[in-house]
Amino acid sequence: MPIPMKTKVESHGLHTSKRLEGKVAIITGGASGFGETTAALFARHGAKVVIADVQDDRGHALCRHIGLPEQVSYVHCDVTSEADVSSAVDLAVSKYGGLDIMFNNAGIPGSLDFAIADADNDNFKRVFEVNVYGAFLGAKHAARAMIPAGRGVILFTASVASVVSGESPHSYAVSKHAVVGLMKNLCVELGKHGIRVNAISPCAVATPLLTGTMGVKKEVVEDIICASANLKGVVPTADDVAEAALYLGSDESKFVSGLNLVVDGGYSTTNQSYTRVINTVFSPKSLPE
């Protein structure tokens, strides 16, 4: 799939100061979707970035697109392989001198199994292996590098499914609850080492991963998202997640830890179903003449 020519931030020329100058970041799942956009934004803000993914062609293409060979690297990394994750951390430390930000972003939606009685057991295990065990390994090896330094940031991509129930397959929803639980436990353990740990929970965004899973075009997914959104007038994009990661990875959030930052336009604060039914029942067309 084509690499976008510019991120929203680049095209608007915002945030001209380099908020991650001198920092080293690893982004798992960094070759596409949220990871791709975040890698470009981090590099724009001065970070040295290691893009860790299994999509080798996309990863190398993204490095060429960003165009900063001394600043951005790609490494093949299956997050379910401890050897791969360990090697990615070792690469960041040996090539760039340390590790300041570990963004555990890699994840899969799994199959659309909504009925527990018919759920695919192997799918459930695979979703947990990538989304939870992969995040665990990323945090484990990031901590190995960060604890001696007495500083660092560990981030996770969770999901609005961690705070809203019944709208995602069981495997995916439970995996994202687990990621948030891991984040909170690590926040408590690693705080004494000066390490901040946070999660980002986006709502549905029309990334290639989601559109591919749903089997429809980007425009169809965006129409669904906007129709169900609480906040009208904007379309959520990968840029919104990248900006959240930039904030949490920068020194601007130096006293923010243990936060599940929900990026959903207020969707999870309310259930609009009742209001919609009431509006339908009491709409002018439904009232007797």
C-alpha atoms as a PDB file:
ATOM      1  CA  MET A   1       0.000   0.000   0.000  1.00  0.00           C
ATOM      2  CA  PRO A   2       1.283   3.529  -0.748  1.00  0.00           C
ATOM      3  CA  ILE A   3       3.056   5.534   1.930  1.00  0.00           C
ATOM      4  CA  PRO A   4       1.227   8.853   2.483  1.00  0.00           C
ATOM      5  CA  MET A   5       3.288  11.798   1.273  1.00  0.00           C
ATOM      6  CA  LYS A   6       2.708  13.964   4.330  1.00  0.00           C
ATOM      7  CA  THR A   7       1.260  13.612   7.770  1.00  0.00           C
ATOM      8  CA  LYS A   8      -1.370  16.099   8.864  1.00  0.00           C
ATOM      9  CA  VAL A   9       1.151  17.756  11.159  1.00  0.00           C
ATOM     10  CA  GLU A  10       3.672  18.179   8.341  1.00  0.00           C
ATOM     11  CA  SER A  11       1.145  19.648   5.933  1.00  0.00           C
ATOM     12  CA  HIS A  12      -0.129  22.162   8.476  1.00  0.00           C
ATOM     13  CA  GLY A  13       3.351  23.100   9.638  1.00  0.00           C
ATOM     14  CA  LEU A  14       2.447  22.828  13.320  1.00  0.00           C
ATOM     15  CA  HIS A  15       4.808  22.233  16.256  1.00  0.00           C
ATOM     16  CA  THR A  16       7.957  23.601  14.661  1.00  0.00           C
ATOM     17  CA  SER A  17       9.969  22.981  17.843  1.00  0.00           C
ATOM     18  CA  LYS A  18      11.467  19.507  18.123  1.00  0.00           C
ATOM     19  CA  ARG A  19       9.800  18.055  21.188  1.00  0.00           C
ATOM     20  CA  LEU A  20      11.748  14.760  21.118  1.00  0.00           C
ATOM     21  CA  GLU A  21      15.204  16.104  20.327  1.00  0.00           C
ATOM     22  CA  GLY A  22      17.876  13.699  21.570  1.00  0.00           C
ATOM     23  CA  LYS A  23      15.445  10.886  22.405  1.00  0.00           C
ATOM     24  CA  VAL A  24      15.567   7.328  21.068  1.00  0.00           C
ATOM     25  CA  ALA A  25      12.309   5.501  20.337  1.00  0.00           C
ATOM     26  CA  ILE A  26      11.255   2.026  19.249  1.00  0.00           C
ATOM     27  CA  ILE A  27       7.829   1.653  17.651  1.00  0.00           C
ATOM     28  CA  THR A  28       6.548  -1.891  17.224  1.00  0.00           C
ATOM     29  CA  GLY A  29       4.084  -2.323  14.402  1.00  0.00           C
ATOM     30  CA  GLY A  30       5.784   0.796  13.096  1.00  0.00           C
ATOM     31  CA  ALA A  31       5.501   0.126   9.367  1.00  0.00           C
ATOM     32  CA  SER A  32       1.782   0.862   8.948  1.00  0.00           C
ATOM     33  CA  GLY A  33      -1.264   2.407  10.578  1.00  0.00           C
ATOM     34  CA  PHE A  34      -0.742   4.207  13.880  1.00  0.00           C
ATOM     35  CA  GLY A  35       2.893   3.121  13.985  1.00  0.00           C
ATOM     36  CA  GLU A  36       3.728   4.513  10.558  1.00  0.00           C
ATOM     37  CA  THR A  37       2.236   7.907  11.328  1.00  0.00           C
ATOM     38  CA  THR A  38       3.895   8.020  14.748  1.00  0.00           C
ATOM     39  CA  ALA A  39       7.312   7.090  13.332  1.00  0.00           C
ATOM     40  CA  ALA A  40       7.162   9.992  10.873  1.00  0.00           C
ATOM     41  CA  LEU A  41       5.996  12.411  13.563  1.00  0.00           C
ATOM     42  CA  PHE A  42       8.631  11.301  16.087  1.00  0.00           C
ATOM     43  CA  ALA A  43      11.368  11.708  13.483  1.00  0.00           C
ATOM     44  CA  ARG A  44      10.064  15.157  12.585  1.00  0.00           C
ATOM     45  CA  HIS A  45      10.412  16.089  16.245  1.00  0.00           C
ATOM     46  CA  GLY A  46      14.024  15.022  16.429  1.00  0.00           C
ATOM     47  CA  ALA A  47      13.810  11.467  17.784  1.00  0.00           C
ATOM     48  CA  LYS A  48      16.000   8.652  16.550  1.00  0.00           C
ATOM     49  CA  VAL A  49      13.472   5.981  15.632  1.00  0.00           C
ATOM     50  CA  VAL A  50      13.690   2.219  15.263  1.00  0.00           C
ATOM     51  CA  ILE A  51      10.718   0.927  13.276  1.00  0.00           C
ATOM     52  CA  ALA A  52      10.098  -2.666  14.377  1.00  0.00           C
ATOM     53  CA  ASP A  53       7.706  -4.750  12.296  1.00  0.00           C
ATOM     54  CA  VAL A  54       7.294  -7.923  10.258  1.00  0.00           C
ATOM     55  CA  GLN A  55       6.331  -5.978   7.113  1.00  0.00           C
ATOM     56  CA  ASP A  56       9.857  -5.640   5.759  1.00  0.00           C
ATOM     57  CA  ASP A  57       9.030  -4.005   2.425  1.00  0.00           C
ATOM     58  CA  ARG A  58       6.796  -1.408   4.049  1.00  0.00           C
ATOM     59  CA  GLY A  59       9.304  -0.777   6.815  1.00  0.00           C
ATOM     60  CA  HIS A  60      12.167  -0.085   4.432  1.00  0.00           C
ATOM     61  CA  ALA A  61       9.894   2.034   2.208  1.00  0.00           C
ATOM     62  CA  LEU A  62       8.858   4.127   5.202  1.00  0.00           C
ATOM     63  CA  CYS A  63      12.502   4.725   6.145  1.00  0.00           C
ATOM     64  CA  ARG A  64      13.191   5.949   2.609  1.00  0.00           C
ATOM     65  CA  HIS A  65      10.106   8.149   2.685  1.00  0.00           C
ATOM     66  CA  ILE A  66      11.063   9.798   5.966  1.00  0.00           C
ATOM     67  CA  GLY A  67      14.456  10.404   4.370  1.00  0.00           C
ATOM     68  CA  LEU A  68      16.622  10.589   7.498  1.00  0.00           C
ATOM     69  CA  PRO A  69      18.953   7.565   7.229  1.00  0.00           C
ATOM     70  CA  GLU A  70      21.068   8.606  10.211  1.00  0.00           C
ATOM     71  CA  GLN A  71      17.958   9.012  12.334  1.00  0.00           C
ATOM     72  CA  VAL A  72      15.531   6.250  11.327  1.00  0.00           C
ATOM     73  CA  SER A  73      16.163   2.496  11.110  1.00  0.00           C
ATOM     74  CA  TYR A  74      14.073  -0.568  10.390  1.00  0.00           C
ATOM     75  CA  VAL A  75      14.407  -3.951  12.085  1.00  0.00           C
ATOM     76  CA  HIS A  76      12.424  -7.104  11.456  1.00  0.00           C
ATOM     77  CA  CYS A  77      10.627  -7.873  14.710  1.00  0.00           C
ATOM     78  CA  ASP A  78       7.925 -10.408  15.487  1.00  0.00           C
ATOM     79  CA  VAL A  79       6.701  -9.171  18.866  1.00  0.00           C
ATOM     80  CA  THR A  80       5.816 -12.722  19.921  1.00  0.00           C
ATOM     81  CA  SER A  81       9.496 -13.677  19.621  1.00  0.00           C
ATOM     82  CA  GLU A  82      11.555 -12.707  22.656  1.00  0.00           C
ATOM     83  CA  ALA A  83      14.736 -12.944  20.602  1.00  0.00           C
ATOM     84  CA  ASP A  84      13.361 -10.451  18.058  1.00  0.00           C
ATOM     85  CA  VAL A  85      12.196  -7.995  20.711  1.00  0.00           C
ATOM     86  CA  SER A  86      15.469  -8.240  22.604  1.00  0.00           C
ATOM     87  CA  SER A  87      17.414  -7.659  19.384  1.00  0.00           C
ATOM     88  CA  ALA A  88      15.350  -4.560  18.557  1.00  0.00           C
ATOM     89  CA  VAL A  89      16.145  -3.061  21.965  1.00  0.00           C
ATOM     90  CA  ASP A  90      19.813  -3.977  21.620  1.00  0.00           C
ATOM     91  CA  LEU A  91      19.904  -2.303  18.197  1.00  0.00           C
ATOM     92  CA  ALA A  92      18.498   0.947  19.572  1.00  0.00           C
ATOM     93  CA  VAL A  93      20.994   0.964  22.434  1.00  0.00           C
ATOM     94  CA  SER A  94      24.040   0.070  20.316  1.00  0.00           C
ATOM     95  CA  LYS A  95      23.210   2.325  17.359  1.00  0.00           C
ATOM     96  CA  TYR A  96      21.749   5.351  19.112  1.00  0.00           C
ATOM     97  CA  GLY A  97      23.142   5.107  22.636  1.00  0.00           C
ATOM     98  CA  GLY A  98      20.072   4.228  24.675  1.00  0.00           C
ATOM     99  CA  LEU A  99      16.302   3.883  24.736  1.00  0.00           C
ATOM    100  CA  ASP A 100      13.973   6.643  25.910  1.00  0.00           C
ATOM    101  CA  ILE A 101      10.595   5.623  24.453  1.00  0.00           C
ATOM    102  CA  MET A 102       9.227   2.132  23.871  1.00  0.00           C
ATOM    103  CA  PHE A 103       5.912   2.323  22.020  1.00  0.00           C
ATOM    104  CA  ASN A 104       4.315  -1.130  22.131  1.00  0.00           C
ATOM    105  CA  ASN A 105       1.935  -0.488  19.273  1.00  0.00           C
ATOM    106  CA  ALA A 106       1.832  -3.807  17.390  1.00  0.00           C
ATOM    107  CA  GLY A 107      -1.513  -5.545  17.534  1.00  0.00           C
ATOM    108  CA  ILE A 108      -4.086  -7.497  15.559  1.00  0.00           C
ATOM    109  CA  PRO A 109      -7.905  -7.425  15.618  1.00  0.00           C
ATOM    110  CA  GLY A 110      -8.298 -11.166  15.102  1.00  0.00           C
ATOM    111  CA  SER A 111     -11.421 -12.723  13.667  1.00  0.00           C
ATOM    112  CA  LEU A 112     -14.802 -11.082  14.113  1.00  0.00           C
ATOM    113  CA  ASP A 113     -16.007 -13.678  16.620  1.00  0.00           C
ATOM    114  CA  PHE A 114     -18.789 -12.097  18.658  1.00  0.00           C
ATOM    115  CA  ALA A 115     -20.534 -15.268  19.881  1.00  0.00           C
ATOM    116  CA  ILE A 116     -18.705 -17.056  22.692  1.00  0.00           C
ATOM    117  CA  ALA A 117     -20.290 -20.418  21.875  1.00  0.00           C
ATOM    118  CA  ASP A 118     -18.853 -20.339  18.354  1.00  0.00           C
ATOM    119  CA  ALA A 119     -15.543 -18.602  19.089  1.00  0.00           C
ATOM    120  CA  ASP A 120     -12.376 -19.907  17.463  1.00  0.00           C
ATOM    121  CA  ASN A 121      -9.994 -20.995  20.224  1.00  0.00           C
ATOM    122  CA  ASP A 122      -6.878 -20.629  18.091  1.00  0.00           C
ATOM    123  CA  ASN A 123      -7.877 -17.101  17.134  1.00  0.00           C
ATOM    124  CA  PHE A 124      -8.314 -16.177  20.802  1.00  0.00           C
ATOM    125  CA  LYS A 125      -4.839 -17.502  21.624  1.00  0.00           C
ATOM    126  CA  ARG A 126      -3.259 -15.709  18.653  1.00  0.00           C
ATOM    127  CA  VAL A 127      -4.805 -12.345  19.560  1.00  0.00           C
ATOM    128  CA  PHE A 128      -3.486 -12.687  23.105  1.00  0.00           C
ATOM    129  CA  GLU A 129      -0.077 -13.774  21.876  1.00  0.00           C
ATOM    130  CA  VAL A 130       0.356 -10.637  19.759  1.00  0.00           C
ATOM    131  CA  ASN A 131      -1.572  -8.031  21.714  1.00  0.00           C
ATOM    132  CA  VAL A 132      -0.684  -9.023  25.275  1.00  0.00           C
ATOM    133  CA  TYR A 133       2.407 -11.251  25.242  1.00  0.00           C
ATOM    134  CA  GLY A 134       3.987  -9.026  22.580  1.00  0.00           C
ATOM    135  CA  ALA A 135       3.347  -5.953  24.720  1.00  0.00           C
ATOM    136  CA  PHE A 136       4.726  -7.758  27.766  1.00  0.00           C
ATOM    137  CA  LEU A 137       7.951  -8.629  25.944  1.00  0.00           C
ATOM    138  CA  GLY A 138       8.345  -5.073  24.694  1.00  0.00           C
ATOM    139  CA  ALA A 139       7.956  -3.699  28.201  1.00  0.00           C
ATOM    140  CA  LYS A 140      10.271  -6.333  29.688  1.00  0.00           C
ATOM    141  CA  HIS A 141      13.176  -5.536  27.394  1.00  0.00           C
ATOM    142  CA  ALA A 142      12.561  -1.803  27.457  1.00  0.00           C
ATOM    143  CA  ALA A 143      12.767  -1.926  31.249  1.00  0.00           C
ATOM    144  CA  ARG A 144      16.060  -3.802  30.958  1.00  0.00           C
ATOM    145  CA  ALA A 145      17.507  -0.816  29.101  1.00  0.00           C
ATOM    146  CA  MET A 146      15.725   1.946  31.007  1.00  0.00           C
ATOM    147  CA  ILE A 147      16.183   0.911  34.642  1.00  0.00           C
ATOM    148  CA  PRO A 148      19.983   1.468  34.662  1.00  0.00           C
ATOM    149  CA  ALA A 149      19.438   4.892  33.059  1.00  0.00           C
ATOM    150  CA  GLY A 150      16.848   5.885  35.660  1.00  0.00           C
ATOM    151  CA  ARG A 151      14.427   7.242  33.086  1.00  0.00           C
ATOM    152  CA  GLY A 152      12.230   6.302  30.150  1.00  0.00           C
ATOM    153  CA  VAL A 153       8.715   6.076  28.763  1.00  0.00           C
ATOM    154  CA  ILE A 154       6.816   2.895  27.958  1.00  0.00           C
ATOM    155  CA  LEU A 155       3.651   3.336  25.897  1.00  0.00           C
ATOM    156  CA  PHE A 156       1.002   0.878  24.770  1.00  0.00           C
ATOM    157  CA  THR A 157      -1.668   1.057  22.112  1.00  0.00           C
ATOM    158  CA  ALA A 158      -4.803  -0.194  23.835  1.00  0.00           C
ATOM    159  CA  SER A 159      -8.297   0.591  22.513  1.00  0.00           C
ATOM    160  CA  VAL A 160     -11.620   2.166  23.360  1.00  0.00           C
ATOM    161  CA  ALA A 161     -12.584  -1.512  23.739  1.00  0.00           C
ATOM    162  CA  SER A 162     -10.793  -1.312  27.099  1.00  0.00           C
ATOM    163  CA  VAL A 163     -13.516   1.020  28.406  1.00  0.00           C
ATOM    164  CA  VAL A 164     -16.590   0.161  26.279  1.00  0.00           C
ATOM    165  CA  SER A 165     -18.095  -3.321  26.285  1.00  0.00           C
ATOM    166  CA  GLY A 166     -20.020  -5.337  23.750  1.00  0.00           C
ATOM    167  CA  GLU A 167     -18.771  -3.680  20.563  1.00  0.00           C
ATOM    168  CA  SER A 168     -15.639  -5.735  19.850  1.00  0.00           C
ATOM    169  CA  PRO A 169     -14.908  -9.457  19.589  1.00  0.00           C
ATOM    170  CA  HIS A 170     -14.218 -11.062  22.963  1.00  0.00           C
ATOM    171  CA  SER A 171     -10.590 -11.857  22.167  1.00  0.00           C
ATOM    172  CA  TYR A 172      -9.794  -8.290  21.163  1.00  0.00           C
ATOM    173  CA  ALA A 173     -11.701  -6.612  24.004  1.00  0.00           C
ATOM    174  CA  VAL A 174     -10.184  -8.804  26.687  1.00  0.00           C
ATOM    175  CA  SER A 175      -6.678  -8.389  25.235  1.00  0.00           C
ATOM    176  CA  LYS A 176      -6.969  -4.611  25.425  1.00  0.00           C
ATOM    177  CA  HIS A 177      -8.225  -4.749  29.011  1.00  0.00           C
ATOM    178  CA  ALA A 178      -5.150  -6.848  29.748  1.00  0.00           C
ATOM    179  CA  VAL A 179      -2.860  -4.283  28.121  1.00  0.00           C
ATOM    180  CA  VAL A 180      -4.300  -1.531  30.323  1.00  0.00           C
ATOM    181  CA  GLY A 181      -3.889  -3.757  33.388  1.00  0.00           C
ATOM    182  CA  LEU A 182      -0.261  -4.401  32.443  1.00  0.00           C
ATOM    183  CA  MET A 183       0.307  -0.679  31.982  1.00  0.00           C
ATOM    184  CA  LYS A 184      -1.046   0.125  35.444  1.00  0.00           C
ATOM    185  CA  ASN A 185       0.989  -2.574  37.162  1.00  0.00           C
ATOM    186  CA  LEU A 186       4.157  -1.438  35.393  1.00  0.00           C
ATOM    187  CA  CYS A 187       3.452   2.165  36.332  1.00  0.00           C
ATOM    188  CA  VAL A 188       3.567   1.165  39.992  1.00  0.00           C
ATOM    189  CA  GLU A 189       6.653  -1.020  39.674  1.00  0.00           C
ATOM    190  CA  LEU A 190       8.754   1.210  37.431  1.00  0.00           C
ATOM    191  CA  GLY A 191       7.947   4.607  38.909  1.00  0.00           C
ATOM    192  CA  LYS A 192      10.787   4.274  41.406  1.00  0.00           C
ATOM    193  CA  HIS A 193      13.168   4.016  38.458  1.00  0.00           C
ATOM    194  CA  GLY A 194      11.909   7.243  36.889  1.00  0.00           C
ATOM    195  CA  ILE A 195      10.055   5.349  34.157  1.00  0.00           C
ATOM    196  CA  ARG A 196       6.617   6.554  33.098  1.00  0.00           C
ATOM    197  CA  VAL A 197       4.105   4.055  31.705  1.00  0.00           C
ATOM    198  CA  ASN A 198       0.917   5.019  29.851  1.00  0.00           C
ATOM    199  CA  ALA A 199      -1.555   3.699  27.289  1.00  0.00           C
ATOM    200  CA  ILE A 200      -3.445   5.241  24.383  1.00  0.00           C
ATOM    201  CA  SER A 201      -6.950   3.961  23.670  1.00  0.00           C
ATOM    202  CA  PRO A 202      -8.187   5.124  20.265  1.00  0.00           C
ATOM    203  CA  CYS A 203     -11.698   4.736  18.961  1.00  0.00           C
ATOM    204  CA  ALA A 204     -12.198   3.085  15.582  1.00  0.00           C
ATOM    205  CA  VAL A 205      -9.989   4.694  12.940  1.00  0.00           C
ATOM    206  CA  ALA A 206     -10.047   3.796   9.255  1.00  0.00           C
ATOM    207  CA  THR A 207      -6.554   2.328   9.141  1.00  0.00           C
ATOM    208  CA  PRO A 208      -5.675  -0.350   6.562  1.00  0.00           C
ATOM    209  CA  LEU A 209      -5.872  -2.928   9.366  1.00  0.00           C
ATOM    210  CA  LEU A 210      -9.484  -2.060  10.224  1.00  0.00           C
ATOM    211  CA  THR A 211     -10.704  -1.582   6.654  1.00  0.00           C
ATOM    212  CA  GLY A 212      -9.086  -4.893   5.696  1.00  0.00           C
ATOM    213  CA  THR A 213     -10.737  -6.670   8.620  1.00  0.00           C
ATOM    214  CA  MET A 214     -14.137  -5.205   7.761  1.00  0.00           C
ATOM    215  CA  GLY A 215     -13.654  -5.790   4.044  1.00  0.00           C
ATOM    216  CA  VAL A 216     -14.904  -2.349   3.002  1.00  0.00           C
ATOM    217  CA  LYS A 217     -13.424   0.876   1.679  1.00  0.00           C
ATOM    218  CA  LYS A 218     -11.960   3.576   3.918  1.00  0.00           C
ATOM    219  CA  GLU A 219     -14.815   5.947   3.117  1.00  0.00           C
ATOM    220  CA  VAL A 220     -17.404   3.424   4.307  1.00  0.00           C
ATOM    221  CA  VAL A 221     -15.604   2.944   7.634  1.00  0.00           C
ATOM    222  CA  GLU A 222     -15.273   6.708   8.118  1.00  0.00           C
ATOM    223  CA  ASP A 223     -18.988   7.185   7.413  1.00  0.00           C
ATOM    224  CA  ILE A 224     -19.822   4.601  10.088  1.00  0.00           C
ATOM    225  CA  ILE A 225     -17.445   6.210  12.588  1.00  0.00           C
ATOM    226  CA  CYS A 226     -18.771   9.716  11.985  1.00  0.00           C
ATOM    227  CA  ALA A 227     -22.410   8.629  12.136  1.00  0.00           C
ATOM    228  CA  SER A 228     -21.872   7.029  15.547  1.00  0.00           C
ATOM    229  CA  ALA A 229     -19.500   9.667  16.932  1.00  0.00           C
ATOM    230  CA  ASN A 230     -20.278  11.849  19.918  1.00  0.00           C
ATOM    231  CA  LEU A 231     -18.022  14.671  18.679  1.00  0.00           C
ATOM    232  CA  LYS A 232     -19.229  15.863  15.300  1.00  0.00           C
ATOM    233  CA  GLY A 233     -17.390  17.759  12.601  1.00  0.00           C
ATOM    234  CA  VAL A 234     -14.100  15.842  12.722  1.00  0.00           C
ATOM    235  CA  VAL A 235     -12.938  12.479  11.411  1.00  0.00           C
ATOM    236  CA  PRO A 236     -10.540  10.571  13.693  1.00  0.00           C
ATOM    237  CA  THR A 237      -7.278   9.627  11.987  1.00  0.00           C
ATOM    238  CA  ALA A 238      -3.967   7.991  12.812  1.00  0.00           C
ATOM    239  CA  ASP A 239      -2.576  11.502  13.329  1.00  0.00           C
ATOM    240  CA  ASP A 240      -4.643  11.824  16.505  1.00  0.00           C
ATOM    241  CA  VAL A 241      -2.977   8.741  17.966  1.00  0.00           C
ATOM    242  CA  ALA A 242       0.470   9.909  16.869  1.00  0.00           C
ATOM    243  CA  GLU A 243      -0.084  13.286  18.546  1.00  0.00           C
ATOM    244  CA  ALA A 244      -1.124  11.537  21.771  1.00  0.00           C
ATOM    245  CA  ALA A 245       2.032   9.400  21.625  1.00  0.00           C
ATOM    246  CA  LEU A 246       4.117  12.520  21.001  1.00  0.00           C
ATOM    247  CA  TYR A 247       2.685  14.190  24.094  1.00  0.00           C
ATOM    248  CA  LEU A 248       3.122  11.126  26.312  1.00  0.00           C
ATOM    249  CA  GLY A 249       6.630  10.494  24.993  1.00  0.00           C
ATOM    250  CA  SER A 250       7.799  14.069  25.458  1.00  0.00           C
ATOM    251  CA  ASP A 251       8.883  15.911  28.583  1.00  0.00           C
ATOM    252  CA  GLU A 252       5.624  17.871  28.425  1.00  0.00           C
ATOM    253  CA  SER A 253       4.017  14.906  30.218  1.00  0.00           C
ATOM    254  CA  LYS A 254       6.874  14.466  32.709  1.00  0.00           C
ATOM    255  CA  PHE A 255       4.465  13.839  35.635  1.00  0.00           C
ATOM    256  CA  VAL A 256       1.888  11.779  33.724  1.00  0.00           C
ATOM    257  CA  SER A 257       2.017   8.053  34.445  1.00  0.00           C
ATOM    258  CA  GLY A 258      -0.576   5.297  34.808  1.00  0.00           C
ATOM    259  CA  LEU A 259      -2.923   7.023  32.346  1.00  0.00           C
ATOM    260  CA  ASN A 260      -5.134   5.288  29.812  1.00  0.00           C
ATOM    261  CA  LEU A 261      -5.550   8.221  27.433  1.00  0.00           C
ATOM    262  CA  VAL A 262      -8.815   7.621  25.587  1.00  0.00           C
ATOM    263  CA  VAL A 263      -8.820   9.285  22.172  1.00  0.00           C
ATOM    264  CA  ASP A 264     -12.436   8.875  21.135  1.00  0.00           C
ATOM    265  CA  GLY A 265     -14.095  12.293  21.006  1.00  0.00           C
ATOM    266  CA  GLY A 266     -16.063  11.499  24.142  1.00  0.00           C
ATOM    267  CA  TYR A 267     -17.677   8.399  22.635  1.00  0.00           C
ATOM    268  CA  SER A 268     -17.087   6.242  25.710  1.00  0.00           C
ATOM    269  CA  THR A 269     -18.651   8.768  28.088  1.00  0.00           C
ATOM    270  CA  THR A 270     -22.202   8.100  26.944  1.00  0.00           C
ATOM    271  CA  ASN A 271     -24.592   5.609  25.397  1.00  0.00           C
ATOM    272  CA  GLN A 272     -26.608   7.421  22.755  1.00  0.00           C
ATOM    273  CA  SER A 273     -28.910   4.514  21.932  1.00  0.00           C
ATOM    274  CA  TYR A 274     -31.658   5.657  24.313  1.00  0.00           C
ATOM    275  CA  THR A 275     -31.579   9.220  22.964  1.00  0.00           C
ATOM    276  CA  ARG A 276     -31.803   7.996  19.375  1.00  0.00           C
ATOM    277  CA  VAL A 277     -34.822   5.823  20.140  1.00  0.00           C
ATOM    278  CA  ILE A 278     -36.537   8.657  22.029  1.00  0.00           C
ATOM    279  CA  ASN A 279     -35.856  11.068  19.173  1.00  0.00           C
ATOM    280  CA  THR A 280     -37.322   8.564  16.734  1.00  0.00           C
ATOM    281  CA  VAL A 281     -40.422   7.956  18.835  1.00  0.00           C
ATOM    282  CA  PHE A 282     -41.038  11.659  19.446  1.00  0.00           C
ATOM    283  CA  SER A 283     -39.955  12.973  16.077  1.00  0.00           C
ATOM    284  CA  PRO A 284     -42.499  15.183  14.272  1.00  0.00           C
ATOM    285  CA  LYS A 285     -43.278  12.395  11.822  1.00  0.00           C
ATOM    286  CA  SER A 286     -44.227   9.982  14.629  1.00  0.00           C
ATOM    287  CA  LEU A 287     -46.588  12.368  16.432  1.00  0.00           C
ATOM    288  CA  PRO A 288     -50.320  12.132  15.661  1.00  0.00           C
ATOM    289  CA  GLU A 289     -51.813  14.974  13.631  1.00  0.00           C
END
